[in-house]
């Protein structure tokens, strides 16, 4: 798994989101996701929405993902 694949998965699951993913060791990543769908949702709900786009890859191919999320 690489940062480009993670970015593509998040963008596919949250159309219109602005996504930046960093991390070059293949296991530990950090992502910033700005999405209009986050408006009015608490931070935990925003993070769950992002994790849902990654499915079973979280905890498997992706060992750790530090998230920063906010509404557009």
PDB file of N, CA and C in Angstrom:
ATOM      1  N   UNK A   1       0.853  -1.168   0.000  1.00  0.00           N
ATOM      2  CA  UNK A   1       0.000   0.000   0.000  1.00  0.00           C
ATOM      3  C   UNK A   1       0.900   1.232   0.000  1.00  0.00           C
ATOM      4  N   UNK A   2       0.559   2.198  -0.827  1.00  0.00           N
ATOM      5  CA  UNK A   2       1.329   3.444  -0.835  1.00  0.00           C
ATOM      6  C   UNK A   2       0.375   4.635  -0.710  1.00  0.00           C
ATOM      7  N   UNK A   3       0.966   5.802  -0.531  1.00  0.00           N
ATOM      8  CA  UNK A   3       0.153   6.993  -0.283  1.00  0.00           C
ATOM      9  C   UNK A   3      -0.769   7.333  -1.453  1.00  0.00           C
ATOM     10  N   UNK A   4      -0.366   6.992  -2.658  1.00  0.00           N
ATOM     11  CA  UNK A   4      -1.197   7.293  -3.832  1.00  0.00           C
ATOM     12  C   UNK A   4      -2.455   6.408  -3.848  1.00  0.00           C
ATOM     13  N   UNK A   5      -2.300   5.151  -3.461  1.00  0.00           N
ATOM     14  CA  UNK A   5      -3.438   4.232  -3.412  1.00  0.00           C
ATOM     15  C   UNK A   5      -4.420   4.658  -2.310  1.00  0.00           C
ATOM     16  N   UNK A   6      -3.891   5.071  -1.165  1.00  0.00           N
ATOM     17  CA  UNK A   6      -4.747   5.529  -0.069  1.00  0.00           C
ATOM     18  C   UNK A   6      -5.521   6.772  -0.496  1.00  0.00           C
ATOM     19  N   UNK A   7      -4.837   7.705  -1.124  1.00  0.00           N
ATOM     20  CA  UNK A   7      -5.480   8.927  -1.610  1.00  0.00           C
ATOM     21  C   UNK A   7      -6.623   8.579  -2.566  1.00  0.00           C
ATOM     22  N   UNK A   8      -6.370   7.661  -3.492  1.00  0.00           N
ATOM     23  CA  UNK A   8      -7.386   7.267  -4.472  1.00  0.00           C
ATOM     24  C   UNK A   8      -8.591   6.618  -3.794  1.00  0.00           C
ATOM     25  N   UNK A   9      -8.374   5.774  -2.790  1.00  0.00           N
ATOM     26  CA  UNK A   9      -9.476   5.131  -2.081  1.00  0.00           C
ATOM     27  C   UNK A   9     -10.337   6.153  -1.348  1.00  0.00           C
ATOM     28  N   UNK A  10      -9.690   7.105  -0.675  1.00  0.00           N
ATOM     29  CA  UNK A  10     -10.446   8.124   0.054  1.00  0.00           C
ATOM     30  C   UNK A  10     -11.233   8.996  -0.914  1.00  0.00           C
ATOM     31  N   UNK A  11     -10.606   9.402  -1.999  1.00  0.00           N
ATOM     32  CA  UNK A  11     -11.292  10.241  -2.995  1.00  0.00           C
ATOM     33  C   UNK A  11     -12.469   9.507  -3.634  1.00  0.00           C
ATOM     34  N   UNK A  12     -12.311   8.198  -3.854  1.00  0.00           N
ATOM     35  CA  UNK A  12     -13.406   7.417  -4.439  1.00  0.00           C
ATOM     36  C   UNK A  12     -14.576   7.307  -3.466  1.00  0.00           C
ATOM     37  N   UNK A  13     -14.273   7.180  -2.184  1.00  0.00           N
ATOM     38  CA  UNK A  13     -15.314   7.026  -1.179  1.00  0.00           C
ATOM     39  C   UNK A  13     -15.952   8.330  -0.735  1.00  0.00           C
ATOM     40  N   UNK A  14     -15.218   9.433  -0.907  1.00  0.00           N
ATOM     41  CA  UNK A  14     -15.724  10.757  -0.537  1.00  0.00           C
ATOM     42  C   UNK A  14     -15.550  11.697  -1.738  1.00  0.00           C
ATOM     43  N   UNK A  15     -16.387  11.532  -2.758  1.00  0.00           N
ATOM     44  CA  UNK A  15     -16.248  12.346  -3.971  1.00  0.00           C
ATOM     45  C   UNK A  15     -16.253  13.839  -3.648  1.00  0.00           C
ATOM     46  N   UNK A  16     -15.340  14.547  -4.263  1.00  0.00           N
ATOM     47  CA  UNK A  16     -15.232  15.986  -4.065  1.00  0.00           C
ATOM     48  C   UNK A  16     -14.318  16.385  -2.921  1.00  0.00           C
ATOM     49  N   UNK A  17     -13.857  15.406  -2.152  1.00  0.00           N
ATOM     50  CA  UNK A  17     -12.955  15.705  -1.032  1.00  0.00           C
ATOM     51  C   UNK A  17     -11.587  16.122  -1.561  1.00  0.00           C
ATOM     52  N   UNK A  18     -10.947  16.989  -0.798  1.00  0.00           N
ATOM     53  CA  UNK A  18      -9.562  17.369  -1.082  1.00  0.00           C
ATOM     54  C   UNK A  18      -8.707  16.534  -0.140  1.00  0.00           C
ATOM     55  N   UNK A  19      -7.849  15.688  -0.705  1.00  0.00           N
ATOM     56  CA  UNK A  19      -7.110  14.706   0.086  1.00  0.00           C
ATOM     57  C   UNK A  19      -5.614  14.847  -0.142  1.00  0.00           C
ATOM     58  N   UNK A  20      -4.868  14.892   0.949  1.00  0.00           N
ATOM     59  CA  UNK A  20      -3.409  14.876   0.903  1.00  0.00           C
ATOM     60  C   UNK A  20      -2.949  13.739   1.800  1.00  0.00           C
ATOM     61  N   UNK A  21      -2.101  12.864   1.280  1.00  0.00           N
ATOM     62  CA  UNK A  21      -1.589  11.741   2.067  1.00  0.00           C
ATOM     63  C   UNK A  21      -0.069  11.763   2.015  1.00  0.00           C
ATOM     64  N   UNK A  22       0.555  11.612   3.174  1.00  0.00           N
ATOM     65  CA  UNK A  22       2.007  11.524   3.272  1.00  0.00           C
ATOM     66  C   UNK A  22       2.377  10.237   3.985  1.00  0.00           C
ATOM     67  N   UNK A  23       3.586   9.765   3.719  1.00  0.00           N
ATOM     68  CA  UNK A  23       4.110   8.552   4.346  1.00  0.00           C
ATOM     69  C   UNK A  23       4.818   7.721   3.307  1.00  0.00           C
ATOM     70  N   UNK A  24       6.052   7.384   3.591  1.00  0.00           N
ATOM     71  CA  UNK A  24       6.848   6.671   2.589  1.00  0.00           C
ATOM     72  C   UNK A  24       7.358   5.311   3.042  1.00  0.00           C
ATOM     73  N   UNK A  25       6.959   4.857   4.253  1.00  0.00           N
ATOM     74  CA  UNK A  25       7.476   3.566   4.704  1.00  0.00           C
ATOM     75  C   UNK A  25       6.543   2.401   4.371  1.00  0.00           C
ATOM     76  N   UNK A  26       5.406   2.698   3.748  1.00  0.00           N
ATOM     77  CA  UNK A  26       4.494   1.647   3.334  1.00  0.00           C
ATOM     78  C   UNK A  26       3.544   1.152   4.413  1.00  0.00           C
ATOM     79  N   UNK A  27       3.653   1.666   5.640  1.00  0.00           N
ATOM     80  CA  UNK A  27       2.779   1.220   6.721  1.00  0.00           C
ATOM     81  C   UNK A  27       2.185   2.360   7.532  1.00  0.00           C
ATOM     82  N   UNK A  28       2.938   3.440   7.697  1.00  0.00           N
ATOM     83  CA  UNK A  28       2.513   4.568   8.527  1.00  0.00           C
ATOM     84  C   UNK A  28       2.248   5.771   7.635  1.00  0.00           C
ATOM     85  N   UNK A  29       1.036   6.316   7.756  1.00  0.00           N
ATOM     86  CA  UNK A  29       0.644   7.411   6.879  1.00  0.00           C
ATOM     87  C   UNK A  29      -0.051   8.501   7.687  1.00  0.00           C
ATOM     88  N   UNK A  30      -0.082   9.681   7.112  1.00  0.00           N
ATOM     89  CA  UNK A  30      -0.908  10.748   7.666  1.00  0.00           C
ATOM     90  C   UNK A  30      -1.679  11.355   6.509  1.00  0.00           C
ATOM     91  N   UNK A  31      -2.926  11.706   6.789  1.00  0.00           N
ATOM     92  CA  UNK A  31      -3.789  12.235   5.743  1.00  0.00           C
ATOM     93  C   UNK A  31      -4.543  13.448   6.245  1.00  0.00           C
ATOM     94  N   UNK A  32      -4.718  14.403   5.353  1.00  0.00           N
ATOM     95  CA  UNK A  32      -5.597  15.532   5.597  1.00  0.00           C
ATOM     96  C   UNK A  32      -6.740  15.414   4.604  1.00  0.00           C
ATOM     97  N   UNK A  33      -7.957  15.440   5.116  1.00  0.00           N
ATOM     98  CA  UNK A  33      -9.134  15.286   4.269  1.00  0.00           C
ATOM     99  C   UNK A  33     -10.078  16.450   4.550  1.00  0.00           C
ATOM    100  N   UNK A  34     -10.367  17.197   3.501  1.00  0.00           N
ATOM    101  CA  UNK A  34     -11.287  18.326   3.587  1.00  0.00           C
ATOM    102  C   UNK A  34     -12.493  17.962   2.728  1.00  0.00           C
ATOM    103  N   UNK A  35     -13.661  17.922   3.361  1.00  0.00           N
ATOM    104  CA  UNK A  35     -14.835  17.413   2.650  1.00  0.00           C
ATOM    105  C   UNK A  35     -16.102  18.131   3.111  1.00  0.00           C
ATOM    106  N   UNK A  36     -16.916  18.542   2.177  1.00  0.00           N
ATOM    107  CA  UNK A  36     -18.178  19.219   2.502  1.00  0.00           C
ATOM    108  C   UNK A  36     -19.107  18.316   3.310  1.00  0.00           C
ATOM    109  N   UNK A  37     -19.032  17.001   3.104  1.00  0.00           N
ATOM    110  CA  UNK A  37     -19.885  16.059   3.831  1.00  0.00           C
ATOM    111  C   UNK A  37     -19.592  16.034   5.331  1.00  0.00           C
ATOM    112  N   UNK A  38     -18.470  16.589   5.753  1.00  0.00           N
ATOM    113  CA  UNK A  38     -18.113  16.626   7.165  1.00  0.00           C
ATOM    114  C   UNK A  38     -18.861  17.721   7.930  1.00  0.00           C
ATOM    115  N   UNK A  39     -19.469  18.635   7.223  1.00  0.00           N
ATOM    116  CA  UNK A  39     -20.140  19.781   7.872  1.00  0.00           C
ATOM    117  C   UNK A  39     -21.156  19.307   8.906  1.00  0.00           C
ATOM    118  N   UNK A  40     -21.021  19.852  10.108  1.00  0.00           N
ATOM    119  CA  UNK A  40     -21.947  19.540  11.179  1.00  0.00           C
ATOM    120  C   UNK A  40     -21.715  18.221  11.881  1.00  0.00           C
ATOM    121  N   UNK A  41     -20.714  17.464  11.436  1.00  0.00           N
ATOM    122  CA  UNK A  41     -20.428  16.163  12.043  1.00  0.00           C
ATOM    123  C   UNK A  41     -19.267  16.298  13.028  1.00  0.00           C
ATOM    124  N   UNK A  42     -19.342  15.583  14.155  1.00  0.00           N
ATOM    125  CA  UNK A  42     -18.225  15.625  15.094  1.00  0.00           C
ATOM    126  C   UNK A  42     -16.987  14.946  14.497  1.00  0.00           C
ATOM    127  N   UNK A  43     -15.854  15.256  15.069  1.00  0.00           N
ATOM    128  CA  UNK A  43     -14.576  14.740  14.569  1.00  0.00           C
ATOM    129  C   UNK A  43     -14.569  13.221  14.455  1.00  0.00           C
ATOM    130  N   UNK A  44     -15.087  12.529  15.447  1.00  0.00           N
ATOM    131  CA  UNK A  44     -15.106  11.073  15.416  1.00  0.00           C
ATOM    132  C   UNK A  44     -15.900  10.556  14.211  1.00  0.00           C
ATOM    133  N   UNK A  45     -17.020  11.173  13.917  1.00  0.00           N
ATOM    134  CA  UNK A  45     -17.825  10.775  12.759  1.00  0.00           C
ATOM    135  C   UNK A  45     -17.074  11.031  11.460  1.00  0.00           C
ATOM    136  N   UNK A  46     -16.351  12.140  11.393  1.00  0.00           N
ATOM    137  CA  UNK A  46     -15.543  12.449  10.202  1.00  0.00           C
ATOM    138  C   UNK A  46     -14.493  11.367   9.998  1.00  0.00           C
ATOM    139  N   UNK A  47     -13.813  10.990  11.062  1.00  0.00           N
ATOM    140  CA  UNK A  47     -12.768   9.964  10.959  1.00  0.00           C
ATOM    141  C   UNK A  47     -13.364   8.622  10.551  1.00  0.00           C
ATOM    142  N   UNK A  48     -14.517   8.293  11.098  1.00  0.00           N
ATOM    143  CA  UNK A  48     -15.173   7.035  10.719  1.00  0.00           C
ATOM    144  C   UNK A  48     -15.525   7.022   9.234  1.00  0.00           C
ATOM    145  N   UNK A  49     -15.929   8.171   8.713  1.00  0.00           N
ATOM    146  CA  UNK A  49     -16.241   8.259   7.281  1.00  0.00           C
ATOM    147  C   UNK A  49     -15.005   7.975   6.438  1.00  0.00           C
ATOM    148  N   UNK A  50     -13.860   8.492   6.865  1.00  0.00           N
ATOM    149  CA  UNK A  50     -12.616   8.238   6.130  1.00  0.00           C
ATOM    150  C   UNK A  50     -12.228   6.769   6.255  1.00  0.00           C
ATOM    151  N   UNK A  51     -12.269   6.220   7.481  1.00  0.00           N
ATOM    152  CA  UNK A  51     -11.918   4.811   7.673  1.00  0.00           C
ATOM    153  C   UNK A  51     -12.813   3.897   6.843  1.00  0.00           C
ATOM    154  N   UNK A  52     -14.072   4.271   6.673  1.00  0.00           N
ATOM    155  CA  UNK A  52     -14.995   3.459   5.874  1.00  0.00           C
ATOM    156  C   UNK A  52     -14.542   3.364   4.422  1.00  0.00           C
ATOM    157  N   UNK A  53     -13.882   4.408   3.915  1.00  0.00           N
ATOM    158  CA  UNK A  53     -13.399   4.373   2.531  1.00  0.00           C
ATOM    159  C   UNK A  53     -12.239   3.395   2.368  1.00  0.00           C
ATOM    160  N   UNK A  54     -11.563   3.073   3.469  1.00  0.00           N
ATOM    161  CA  UNK A  54     -10.383   2.200   3.424  1.00  0.00           C
ATOM    162  C   UNK A  54     -10.711   0.757   3.767  1.00  0.00           C
ATOM    163  N   UNK A  55     -11.864   0.538   4.363  1.00  0.00           N
ATOM    164  CA  UNK A  55     -12.335  -0.817   4.656  1.00  0.00           C
ATOM    165  C   UNK A  55     -11.326  -1.671   5.410  1.00  0.00           C
ATOM    166  N   UNK A  56     -11.178  -2.902   4.976  1.00  0.00           N
ATOM    167  CA  UNK A  56     -10.323  -3.874   5.669  1.00  0.00           C
ATOM    168  C   UNK A  56      -8.832  -3.578   5.523  1.00  0.00           C
ATOM    169  N   UNK A  57      -8.490  -2.610   4.700  1.00  0.00           N
ATOM    170  CA  UNK A  57      -7.072  -2.259   4.553  1.00  0.00           C
ATOM    171  C   UNK A  57      -6.518  -1.638   5.843  1.00  0.00           C
ATOM    172  N   UNK A  58      -7.413  -0.993   6.627  1.00  0.00           N
ATOM    173  CA  UNK A  58      -6.991  -0.443   7.920  1.00  0.00           C
ATOM    174  C   UNK A  58      -6.655  -1.607   8.852  1.00  0.00           C
ATOM    175  N   UNK A  59      -5.478  -1.542   9.448  1.00  0.00           N
ATOM    176  CA  UNK A  59      -5.037  -2.601  10.347  1.00  0.00           C
ATOM    177  C   UNK A  59      -4.376  -3.756   9.627  1.00  0.00           C
ATOM    178  N   UNK A  60      -4.469  -3.772   8.323  1.00  0.00           N
ATOM    179  CA  UNK A  60      -3.810  -4.812   7.530  1.00  0.00           C
ATOM    180  C   UNK A  60      -2.703  -4.165   6.697  1.00  0.00           C
ATOM    181  N   UNK A  61      -3.027  -3.743   5.477  1.00  0.00           N
ATOM    182  CA  UNK A  61      -2.013  -3.081   4.647  1.00  0.00           C
ATOM    183  C   UNK A  61      -1.597  -1.725   5.221  1.00  0.00           C
ATOM    184  N   UNK A  62      -2.535  -1.065   5.896  1.00  0.00           N
ATOM    185  CA  UNK A  62      -2.246   0.234   6.508  1.00  0.00           C
ATOM    186  C   UNK A  62      -2.146   0.009   8.015  1.00  0.00           C
ATOM    187  N   UNK A  63      -0.942   0.084   8.535  1.00  0.00           N
ATOM    188  CA  UNK A  63      -0.738  -0.165   9.962  1.00  0.00           C
ATOM    189  C   UNK A  63      -1.226   1.014  10.803  1.00  0.00           C
ATOM    190  N   UNK A  64      -0.924   2.234  10.369  1.00  0.00           N
ATOM    191  CA  UNK A  64      -1.303   3.425  11.137  1.00  0.00           C
ATOM    192  C   UNK A  64      -1.631   4.570  10.182  1.00  0.00           C
ATOM    193  N   UNK A  65      -2.689   5.301  10.530  1.00  0.00           N
ATOM    194  CA  UNK A  65      -3.096   6.456   9.731  1.00  0.00           C
ATOM    195  C   UNK A  65      -3.474   7.587  10.674  1.00  0.00           C
ATOM    196  N   UNK A  66      -2.704   8.628  10.653  1.00  0.00           N
ATOM    197  CA  UNK A  66      -3.003   9.843  11.441  1.00  0.00           C
ATOM    198  C   UNK A  66      -3.885  10.730  10.569  1.00  0.00           C
ATOM    199  N   UNK A  67      -5.054  11.088  11.082  1.00  0.00           N
ATOM    200  CA  UNK A  67      -6.007  11.875  10.293  1.00  0.00           C
ATOM    201  C   UNK A  67      -6.166  13.283  10.818  1.00  0.00           C
ATOM    202  N   UNK A  68      -6.285  14.202   9.879  1.00  0.00           N
ATOM    203  CA  UNK A  68      -6.747  15.570  10.144  1.00  0.00           C
ATOM    204  C   UNK A  68      -7.910  15.781   9.185  1.00  0.00           C
ATOM    205  N   UNK A  69      -9.070  16.083   9.727  1.00  0.00           N
ATOM    206  CA  UNK A  69     -10.245  16.258   8.882  1.00  0.00           C
ATOM    207  C   UNK A  69     -10.910  17.590   9.218  1.00  0.00           C
ATOM    208  N   UNK A  70     -11.603  18.130   8.209  1.00  0.00           N
ATOM    209  CA  UNK A  70     -12.406  19.332   8.425  1.00  0.00           C
ATOM    210  C   UNK A  70     -13.369  19.495   7.266  1.00  0.00           C
ATOM    211  N   UNK A  71     -14.419  20.241   7.520  1.00  0.00           N
ATOM    212  CA  UNK A  71     -15.414  20.500   6.486  1.00  0.00           C
ATOM    213  C   UNK A  71     -14.879  21.548   5.513  1.00  0.00           C
ATOM    214  N   UNK A  72     -15.313  21.416   4.275  1.00  0.00           N
ATOM    215  CA  UNK A  72     -14.894  22.370   3.244  1.00  0.00           C
ATOM    216  C   UNK A  72     -15.654  23.668   3.404  1.00  0.00           C
TER     217      UNK A  72
END
